[in-house]
PDB file of N, CA and C in Angstrom:
ATOM      1  N   MET A   1      10.474 -18.978 -10.095  1.00  0.00           N
ATOM      2  CA  MET A   1      11.973 -19.039 -10.011  1.00  0.00           C
ATOM      3  C   MET A   1      11.767 -19.805  -8.908  1.00  0.00           C
ATOM      4  N   ASP A   2      13.372 -20.568  -8.284  1.00  0.00           N
ATOM      5  CA  ASP A   2      13.321 -21.370  -7.426  1.00  0.00           C
ATOM      6  C   ASP A   2      13.045 -20.486  -6.254  1.00  0.00           C
ATOM      7  N   ARG A   3      12.098 -20.945  -5.400  1.00  0.00           N
ATOM      8  CA  ARG A   3      11.948 -20.818  -4.180  1.00  0.00           C
ATOM      9  C   ARG A   3      12.311 -19.917  -2.781  1.00  0.00           C
ATOM     10  N   LYS A   4      13.571 -21.171  -2.410  1.00  0.00           N
ATOM     11  CA  LYS A   4      14.367 -19.846  -1.784  1.00  0.00           C
ATOM     12  C   LYS A   4      15.484 -18.901  -2.615  1.00  0.00           C
ATOM     13  N   ILE A   5      15.677 -18.897  -4.269  1.00  0.00           N
ATOM     14  CA  ILE A   5      16.027 -17.052  -4.970  1.00  0.00           C
ATOM     15  C   ILE A   5      14.844 -16.480  -4.134  1.00  0.00           C
ATOM     16  N   ALA A   6      13.049 -16.737  -4.537  1.00  0.00           N
ATOM     17  CA  ALA A   6      12.772 -15.865  -4.189  1.00  0.00           C
ATOM     18  C   ALA A   6      12.343 -15.531  -2.746  1.00  0.00           C
ATOM     19  N   GLU A   7      12.821 -16.344  -2.237  1.00  0.00           N
ATOM     20  CA  GLU A   7      13.220 -15.394  -0.204  1.00  0.00           C
ATOM     21  C   GLU A   7      13.895 -15.094  -0.943  1.00  0.00           C
ATOM     22  N   GLN A   8      15.405 -14.957  -0.893  1.00  0.00           N
ATOM     23  CA  GLN A   8      16.203 -14.084  -1.027  1.00  0.00           C
ATOM     24  C   GLN A   8      15.780 -12.841  -1.684  1.00  0.00           C
ATOM     25  N   ILE A   9      16.054 -12.837  -2.520  1.00  0.00           N
ATOM     26  CA  ILE A   9      15.764 -11.632  -2.632  1.00  0.00           C
ATOM     27  C   ILE A   9      14.783 -10.982  -2.810  1.00  0.00           C
ATOM     28  N   VAL A  10      13.762 -11.443  -2.377  1.00  0.00           N
ATOM     29  CA  VAL A  10      12.199 -10.071  -1.431  1.00  0.00           C
ATOM     30  C   VAL A  10      13.248  -9.730  -0.045  1.00  0.00           C
ATOM     31  N   ALA A  11      13.795 -10.388   0.853  1.00  0.00           N
ATOM     32  CA  ALA A  11      14.117  -9.902   2.367  1.00  0.00           C
ATOM     33  C   ALA A  11      15.558  -9.125   1.069  1.00  0.00           C
ATOM     34  N   LEU A  12      15.950  -9.220   0.618  1.00  0.00           N
ATOM     35  CA  LEU A  12      16.882  -7.733   0.094  1.00  0.00           C
ATOM     36  C   LEU A  12      15.954  -6.833  -0.600  1.00  0.00           C
ATOM     37  N   VAL A  13      15.256  -7.175  -1.095  1.00  0.00           N
ATOM     38  CA  VAL A  13      14.769  -5.860  -1.380  1.00  0.00           C
ATOM     39  C   VAL A  13      13.985  -4.875  -0.077  1.00  0.00           C
ATOM     40  N   ASN A  14      13.851  -5.757   0.630  1.00  0.00           N
ATOM     41  CA  ASN A  14      12.596  -5.597   2.186  1.00  0.00           C
ATOM     42  C   ASN A  14      13.966  -4.935   2.934  1.00  0.00           C
ATOM     43  N   SER A  15      15.001  -5.692   2.886  1.00  0.00           N
ATOM     44  CA  SER A  15      16.505  -4.688   3.660  1.00  0.00           C
ATOM     45  C   SER A  15      16.689  -3.199   2.514  1.00  0.00           C
ATOM     46  N   GLN A  16      16.613  -3.319   1.329  1.00  0.00           N
ATOM     47  CA  GLN A  16      17.198  -1.974   0.943  1.00  0.00           C
ATOM     48  C   GLN A  16      15.776  -0.982   1.345  1.00  0.00           C
ATOM     49  N   ILE A  17      13.999  -1.371   1.011  1.00  0.00           N
ATOM     50  CA  ILE A  17      13.409  -0.048   1.582  1.00  0.00           C
ATOM     51  C   ILE A  17      13.508   0.330   2.685  1.00  0.00           C
ATOM     52  N   ASP A  18      14.159  -0.999   3.973  1.00  0.00           N
ATOM     53  CA  ASP A  18      14.888  -0.217   5.112  1.00  0.00           C
ATOM     54  C   ASP A  18      15.165   0.601   5.409  1.00  0.00           C
ATOM     55  N   GLN A  19      16.516   0.370   4.244  1.00  0.00           N
ATOM     56  CA  GLN A  19      17.593   1.447   4.026  1.00  0.00           C
ATOM     57  C   GLN A  19      17.130   2.618   3.605  1.00  0.00           C
ATOM     58  N   LEU A  20      16.773   2.933   2.334  1.00  0.00           N
ATOM     59  CA  LEU A  20      15.929   3.831   1.869  1.00  0.00           C
ATOM     60  C   LEU A  20      15.484   4.853   3.222  1.00  0.00           C
ATOM     61  N   ILE A  21      14.714   4.147   3.600  1.00  0.00           N
ATOM     62  CA  ILE A  21      13.160   4.799   4.374  1.00  0.00           C
ATOM     63  C   ILE A  21      13.987   5.189   5.444  1.00  0.00           C
ATOM     64  N   SER A  22      14.871   4.421   6.245  1.00  0.00           N
ATOM     65  CA  SER A  22      15.928   4.971   7.405  1.00  0.00           C
ATOM     66  C   SER A  22      16.312   6.248   7.345  1.00  0.00           C
ATOM     67  N   THR A  23      17.306   6.948   5.807  1.00  0.00           N
ATOM     68  CA  THR A  23      17.943   7.953   6.015  1.00  0.00           C
ATOM     69  C   THR A  23      16.511   8.999   5.608  1.00  0.00           C
ATOM     70  N   LEU A  24      15.605   8.897   6.084  1.00  0.00           N
ATOM     71  CA  LEU A  24      14.275  10.292   5.378  1.00  0.00           C
ATOM     72  C   LEU A  24      15.626  11.091   7.075  1.00  0.00           C
ATOM     73  N   GLU A  25      14.782  10.284   8.330  1.00  0.00           N
ATOM     74  CA  GLU A  25      15.101  11.641   9.040  1.00  0.00           C
ATOM     75  C   GLU A  25      16.189  12.231   9.641  1.00  0.00           C
ATOM     76  N   PRO A  26      17.236  11.860   8.810  1.00  0.00           N
ATOM     77  CA  PRO A  26      18.515  12.135   9.000  1.00  0.00           C
ATOM     78  C   PRO A  26      18.617  13.478   7.591  1.00  0.00           C
ATOM     79  N   VAL A  27      17.920  12.978   6.714  1.00  0.00           N
ATOM     80  CA  VAL A  27      17.947  13.905   5.610  1.00  0.00           C
ATOM     81  C   VAL A  27      17.412  15.257   5.482  1.00  0.00           C
ATOM     82  N   GLU A  28      15.687  15.237   6.451  1.00  0.00           N
ATOM     83  CA  GLU A  28      15.268  16.283   6.488  1.00  0.00           C
ATOM     84  C   GLU A  28      15.500  17.198   7.305  1.00  0.00           C
ATOM     85  N   ALA A  29      16.469  16.264   8.457  1.00  0.00           N
ATOM     86  CA  ALA A  29      17.127  17.561   9.382  1.00  0.00           C
ATOM     87  C   ALA A  29      18.131  18.570   8.830  1.00  0.00           C
ATOM     88  N   ALA A  30      18.365  17.539   7.744  1.00  0.00           N
ATOM     89  CA  ALA A  30      20.479  18.250   7.065  1.00  0.00           C
ATOM     90  C   ALA A  30      19.816  19.436   6.243  1.00  0.00           C
ATOM     91  N   VAL A  31      18.120  19.466   5.600  1.00  0.00           N
ATOM     92  CA  VAL A  31      18.484  19.978   3.794  1.00  0.00           C
ATOM     93  C   VAL A  31      17.290  21.154   4.358  1.00  0.00           C
ATOM     94  N   SER A  32      16.533  22.147   3.640  1.00  0.00           N
ATOM     95  CA  SER A  32      15.519  22.786   3.502  1.00  0.00           C
ATOM     96  C   SER A  32      14.123  21.735   2.877  1.00  0.00           C
ATOM     97  N   PRO A  33      13.358  22.221   3.876  1.00  0.00           N
ATOM     98  CA  PRO A  33      11.699  21.650   3.297  1.00  0.00           C
ATOM     99  C   PRO A  33      11.916  21.232   2.057  1.00  0.00           C
ATOM    100  N   GLU A  34      12.146  22.709   0.587  1.00  0.00           N
ATOM    101  CA  GLU A  34      12.220  21.753  -0.318  1.00  0.00           C
ATOM    102  C   GLU A  34      12.714  20.436  -0.867  1.00  0.00           C
ATOM    103  N   GLU A  35      13.656  21.549  -0.896  1.00  0.00           N
ATOM    104  CA  GLU A  35      14.610  19.775  -0.621  1.00  0.00           C
ATOM    105  C   GLU A  35      14.897  18.678  -0.939  1.00  0.00           C
ATOM    106  N   PHE A  36      13.678  18.276   0.630  1.00  0.00           N
ATOM    107  CA  PHE A  36      13.507  17.833   1.760  1.00  0.00           C
ATOM    108  C   PHE A  36      12.750  17.257   1.306  1.00  0.00           C
ATOM    109  N   ALA A  37      11.090  17.367   0.400  1.00  0.00           N
ATOM    110  CA  ALA A  37      10.458  16.852  -0.471  1.00  0.00           C
ATOM    111  C   ALA A  37      10.357  15.929  -1.856  1.00  0.00           C
ATOM    112  N   GLY A  38      11.766  16.582  -2.199  1.00  0.00           N
ATOM    113  CA  GLY A  38      12.465  16.280  -3.690  1.00  0.00           C
ATOM    114  C   GLY A  38      12.919  15.105  -3.505  1.00  0.00           C
ATOM    115  N   TYR A  39      14.059  15.173  -1.846  1.00  0.00           N
ATOM    116  CA  TYR A  39      14.410  13.669  -2.024  1.00  0.00           C
ATOM    117  C   TYR A  39      13.113  12.283  -1.892  1.00  0.00           C
ATOM    118  N   LYS A  40      12.331  13.209  -0.751  1.00  0.00           N
ATOM    119  CA  LYS A  40      11.288  11.844  -0.185  1.00  0.00           C
ATOM    120  C   LYS A  40      10.183  11.277  -1.565  1.00  0.00           C
ATOM    121  N   ARG A  41      10.630  12.503  -2.436  1.00  0.00           N
ATOM    122  CA  ARG A  41       9.356  12.232  -3.914  1.00  0.00           C
ATOM    123  C   ARG A  41      10.831  10.691  -4.453  1.00  0.00           C
ATOM    124  N   GLY A  42      11.575  11.643  -4.140  1.00  0.00           N
ATOM    125  CA  GLY A  42      13.073  10.275  -5.134  1.00  0.00           C
ATOM    126  C   GLY A  42      12.189   8.934  -4.279  1.00  0.00           C
ATOM    127  N   ILE A  43      13.126   8.653  -3.517  1.00  0.00           N
ATOM    128  CA  ILE A  43      12.469   8.119  -2.712  1.00  0.00           C
ATOM    129  C   ILE A  43      11.606   7.086  -2.563  1.00  0.00           C
ATOM    130  N   ALA A  44      10.236   7.445  -2.427  1.00  0.00           N
ATOM    131  CA  ALA A  44       8.964   6.740  -3.176  1.00  0.00           C
ATOM    132  C   ALA A  44       9.076   6.286  -4.172  1.00  0.00           C
ATOM    133  N   LYS A  45       9.843   7.034  -5.286  1.00  0.00           N
ATOM    134  CA  LYS A  45       9.599   6.629  -6.939  1.00  0.00           C
ATOM    135  C   LYS A  45      10.764   5.014  -6.395  1.00  0.00           C
ATOM    136  N   VAL A  46      11.646   5.574  -5.970  1.00  0.00           N
ATOM    137  CA  VAL A  46      12.324   4.350  -5.620  1.00  0.00           C
ATOM    138  C   VAL A  46      11.457   3.241  -5.217  1.00  0.00           C
ATOM    139  N   ILE A  47      10.676   3.344  -4.317  1.00  0.00           N
ATOM    140  CA  ILE A  47      10.577   2.383  -3.300  1.00  0.00           C
ATOM    141  C   ILE A  47       9.397   1.440  -4.493  1.00  0.00           C
ATOM    142  N   THR A  48       8.938   2.559  -4.923  1.00  0.00           N
ATOM    143  CA  THR A  48       7.882   2.135  -6.107  1.00  0.00           C
ATOM    144  C   THR A  48       8.025   0.962  -7.648  1.00  0.00           C
ATOM    145  N   ALA A  49       9.301   1.199  -7.648  1.00  0.00           N
ATOM    146  CA  ALA A  49      10.130   0.610  -8.812  1.00  0.00           C
ATOM    147  C   ALA A  49      10.277  -0.913  -7.913  1.00  0.00           C
ATOM    148  N   PHE A  50      11.144  -0.549  -6.476  1.00  0.00           N
ATOM    149  CA  PHE A  50      11.577  -1.389  -6.263  1.00  0.00           C
ATOM    150  C   PHE A  50       9.528  -2.867  -5.827  1.00  0.00           C
ATOM    151  N   ASP A  51       8.232  -2.050  -5.413  1.00  0.00           N
ATOM    152  CA  ASP A  51       7.922  -2.944  -5.256  1.00  0.00           C
ATOM    153  C   ASP A  51       7.371  -3.191  -6.478  1.00  0.00           C
ATOM    154  N   VAL A  52       7.362  -2.493  -7.595  1.00  0.00           N
ATOM    155  CA  VAL A  52       5.863  -3.473  -9.034  1.00  0.00           C
ATOM    156  C   VAL A  52       7.545  -4.216  -9.894  1.00  0.00           C
ATOM    157  N   GLU A  53       8.783  -3.394  -9.893  1.00  0.00           N
ATOM    158  CA  GLU A  53       9.217  -4.638 -10.716  1.00  0.00           C
ATOM    159  C   GLU A  53      10.413  -5.256 -10.456  1.00  0.00           C
ATOM    160  N   ILE A  54      10.029  -5.932  -9.036  1.00  0.00           N
ATOM    161  CA  ILE A  54      10.989  -7.036  -8.136  1.00  0.00           C
ATOM    162  C   ILE A  54       9.626  -8.117  -7.051  1.00  0.00           C
ATOM    163  N   ILE A  55       8.886  -7.039  -6.040  1.00  0.00           N
ATOM    164  CA  ILE A  55       7.681  -7.748  -5.565  1.00  0.00           C
ATOM    165  C   ILE A  55       7.491  -8.319  -6.216  1.00  0.00           C
ATOM    166  N   GLU A  56       6.442  -7.922  -7.077  1.00  0.00           N
ATOM    167  CA  GLU A  56       5.440  -8.221  -7.502  1.00  0.00           C
ATOM    168  C   GLU A  56       6.188  -9.021  -8.688  1.00  0.00           C
ATOM    169  N   ARG A  57       6.357  -9.358  -8.498  1.00  0.00           N
ATOM    170  CA  ARG A  57       6.904 -10.366 -10.046  1.00  0.00           C
ATOM    171  C   ARG A  57       7.321 -11.790  -9.430  1.00  0.00           C
ATOM    172  N   VAL A  58       8.058 -11.636  -8.217  1.00  0.00           N
ATOM    173  CA  VAL A  58       8.424 -12.680  -8.011  1.00  0.00           C
ATOM    174  C   VAL A  58       6.587 -13.282  -6.872  1.00  0.00           C
ATOM    175  N   ALA A  59       6.198 -12.346  -6.391  1.00  0.00           N
ATOM    176  CA  ALA A  59       5.072 -12.040  -6.045  1.00  0.00           C
ATOM    177  C   ALA A  59       3.961 -13.679  -6.184  1.00  0.00           C
ATOM    178  N   ARG A  60       4.053 -13.383  -8.234  1.00  0.00           N
ATOM    179  CA  ARG A  60       3.365 -13.971  -9.307  1.00  0.00           C
ATOM    180  C   ARG A  60       3.136 -14.858  -9.232  1.00  0.00           C
ATOM    181  N   GLU A  61       4.784 -16.019  -8.763  1.00  0.00           N
ATOM    182  CA  GLU A  61       4.948 -17.699  -8.646  1.00  0.00           C
ATOM    183  C   GLU A  61       4.948 -17.723  -7.703  1.00  0.00           C
ATOM    184  N   HIS A  62       5.139 -16.668  -5.909  1.00  0.00           N
ATOM    185  CA  HIS A  62       5.189 -16.895  -4.720  1.00  0.00           C
ATOM    186  C   HIS A  62       4.100 -15.968  -4.230  1.00  0.00           C
ATOM    187  N   PRO A  63       2.838 -15.973  -3.809  1.00  0.00           N
ATOM    188  CA  PRO A  63       1.451 -15.062  -3.281  1.00  0.00           C
ATOM    189  C   PRO A  63       2.118 -15.279  -2.273  1.00  0.00           C
ATOM    190  N   ASP A  64       2.460 -15.630  -2.118  1.00  0.00           N
ATOM    191  CA  ASP A  64       2.504 -15.754  -0.119  1.00  0.00           C
ATOM    192  C   ASP A  64       3.867 -15.308   0.351  1.00  0.00           C
ATOM    193  N   LEU A  65       4.733 -14.890  -0.746  1.00  0.00           N
ATOM    194  CA  LEU A  65       6.335 -13.511  -0.547  1.00  0.00           C
ATOM    195  C   LEU A  65       5.582 -12.771  -0.265  1.00  0.00           C
ATOM    196  N   LYS A  66       4.675 -12.647  -0.938  1.00  0.00           N
ATOM    197  CA  LYS A  66       3.865 -10.579  -1.449  1.00  0.00           C
ATOM    198  C   LYS A  66       3.657 -10.351   0.504  1.00  0.00           C
ATOM    199  N   PRO A  67       4.569  -9.620   0.927  1.00  0.00           N
ATOM    200  CA  PRO A  67       4.586  -8.589   2.479  1.00  0.00           C
ATOM    201  C   PRO A  67       2.804  -8.103   2.354  1.00  0.00           C
ATOM    202  N   SER A  68       2.752  -8.540   3.384  1.00  0.00           N
ATOM    203  CA  SER A  68       1.964  -7.630   3.543  1.00  0.00           C
ATOM    204  C   SER A  68       2.040  -5.986   4.026  1.00  0.00           C
ATOM    205  N   ASP A  69       0.670  -4.985   3.932  1.00  0.00           N
ATOM    206  CA  ASP A  69       1.299  -3.738   3.693  1.00  0.00           C
ATOM    207  C   ASP A  69       1.392  -3.227   4.911  1.00  0.00           C
ATOM    208  N   ASP A  70       2.136  -2.569   5.639  1.00  0.00           N
ATOM    209  CA  ASP A  70       2.384  -2.110   6.837  1.00  0.00           C
ATOM    210  C   ASP A  70       3.252  -1.316   6.860  1.00  0.00           C
ATOM    211  N   ASP A  71       2.671   0.325   7.191  1.00  0.00           N
ATOM    212  CA  ASP A  71       3.269   1.319   7.949  1.00  0.00           C
ATOM    213  C   ASP A  71       3.801   1.671   8.813  1.00  0.00           C
ATOM    214  N   ALA A  72       3.267   0.513   9.812  1.00  0.00           N
ATOM    215  CA  ALA A  72       4.502   1.574  11.476  1.00  0.00           C
ATOM    216  C   ALA A  72       5.618   1.959  11.581  1.00  0.00           C
ATOM    217  N   ASP A  73       6.138   1.462  11.181  1.00  0.00           N
ATOM    218  CA  ASP A  73       8.055   1.632  10.736  1.00  0.00           C
ATOM    219  C   ASP A  73       8.444   2.675  10.060  1.00  0.00           C
ATOM    220  N   LEU A  74       7.358   3.629   9.470  1.00  0.00           N
ATOM    221  CA  LEU A  74       7.091   4.776   8.790  1.00  0.00           C
ATOM    222  C   LEU A  74       7.360   6.371   9.094  1.00  0.00           C
ATOM    223  N   PRO A  75       8.156   6.971   9.412  1.00  0.00           N
ATOM    224  CA  PRO A  75       8.484   7.961  10.079  1.00  0.00           C
ATOM    225  C   PRO A  75       6.389   9.163   9.877  1.00  0.00           C
ATOM    226  N   GLU A  76       5.773   9.606  10.528  1.00  0.00           N
ATOM    227  CA  GLU A  76       4.695  10.460  10.516  1.00  0.00           C
ATOM    228  C   GLU A  76       5.167  11.861   9.483  1.00  0.00           C
ATOM    229  N   SER A  77       4.328  11.603   8.665  1.00  0.00           N
ATOM    230  CA  SER A  77       4.366  12.855   7.957  1.00  0.00           C
ATOM    231  C   SER A  77       2.580  13.532   7.531  1.00  0.00           C
ATOM    232  N   ASP A  78       3.275  14.954   6.746  1.00  0.00           N
ATOM    233  CA  ASP A  78       2.035  15.478   6.041  1.00  0.00           C
ATOM    234  C   ASP A  78       1.401  14.911   5.025  1.00  0.00           C
ATOM    235  N   GLU A  79       2.822  14.390   4.131  1.00  0.00           N
ATOM    236  CA  GLU A  79       2.525  13.824   2.393  1.00  0.00           C
ATOM    237  C   GLU A  79       2.343  12.269   2.928  1.00  0.00           C
ATOM    238  N   ASP A  80       1.492  12.109   2.072  1.00  0.00           N
ATOM    239  CA  ASP A  80       1.508  10.548   2.156  1.00  0.00           C
ATOM    240  C   ASP A  80       1.853   9.480   0.229  1.00  0.00           C
ATOM    241  N   ASP A  81       2.537  10.549   0.897  1.00  0.00           N
ATOM    242  CA  ASP A  81       3.795   9.916  -1.412  1.00  0.00           C
ATOM    243  C   ASP A  81       4.456   8.840  -0.941  1.00  0.00           C
ATOM    244  N   LEU A  82       4.741   8.240   0.448  1.00  0.00           N
ATOM    245  CA  LEU A  82       5.576   7.318   0.216  1.00  0.00           C
ATOM    246  C   LEU A  82       4.730   5.411   0.025  1.00  0.00           C
ATOM    247  N   PRO A  83       5.440   4.422  -0.915  1.00  0.00           N
ATOM    248  CA  PRO A  83       3.905   3.805  -0.560  1.00  0.00           C
ATOM    249  C   PRO A  83       4.529   2.999   1.171  1.00  0.00           C
ATOM    250  N   ARG A  84       3.958   1.944   1.030  1.00  0.00           N
ATOM    251  CA  ARG A  84       4.378   1.421   2.673  1.00  0.00           C
ATOM    252  C   ARG A  84       5.600   0.103   2.470  1.00  0.00           C
ATOM    253  N   ALA A  85       6.526   0.490   3.460  1.00  0.00           N
ATOM    254  CA  ALA A  85       6.863  -0.183   3.639  1.00  0.00           C
ATOM    255  C   ALA A  85       7.030  -1.635   3.279  1.00  0.00           C
ATOM    256  N   SER A  86       8.195  -2.891   2.915  1.00  0.00           N
ATOM    257  CA  SER A  86       7.651  -4.533   2.457  1.00  0.00           C
ATOM    258  C   SER A  86       7.607  -4.688   3.881  1.00  0.00           C
ATOM    259  N   ARG A  87       7.438  -6.174   3.512  1.00  0.00           N
ATOM    260  CA  ARG A  87       7.049  -6.869   5.166  1.00  0.00           C
ATOM    261  C   ARG A  87       7.258  -7.505   4.623  1.00  0.00           C
ATOM    262  N   ASN A  88       7.872  -9.387   5.162  1.00  0.00           N
ATOM    263  CA  ASN A  88       7.871 -10.512   5.092  1.00  0.00           C
ATOM    264  C   ASN A  88       7.296 -11.323   6.693  1.00  0.00           C
TER     265      ASN A  88
END
């Protein structure tokens, strides 16, 4: 895969992950704890799929594009079921 395309893909995926994470706080404020737990699990599944199916595949050819784990921007939670956000 062309390096420029790989960089664009990783940037797009990271942006989408950030957008998904940004929905957690407003959803938590608007729904029951049970509904939020299900929503959060769903977000975790999507983020994991992004990481495994896209980022990992790109990183096989361009290992330096694999972001280091950085959970500094994740909201604090009792549950630790969200993967770490991808960062470049």
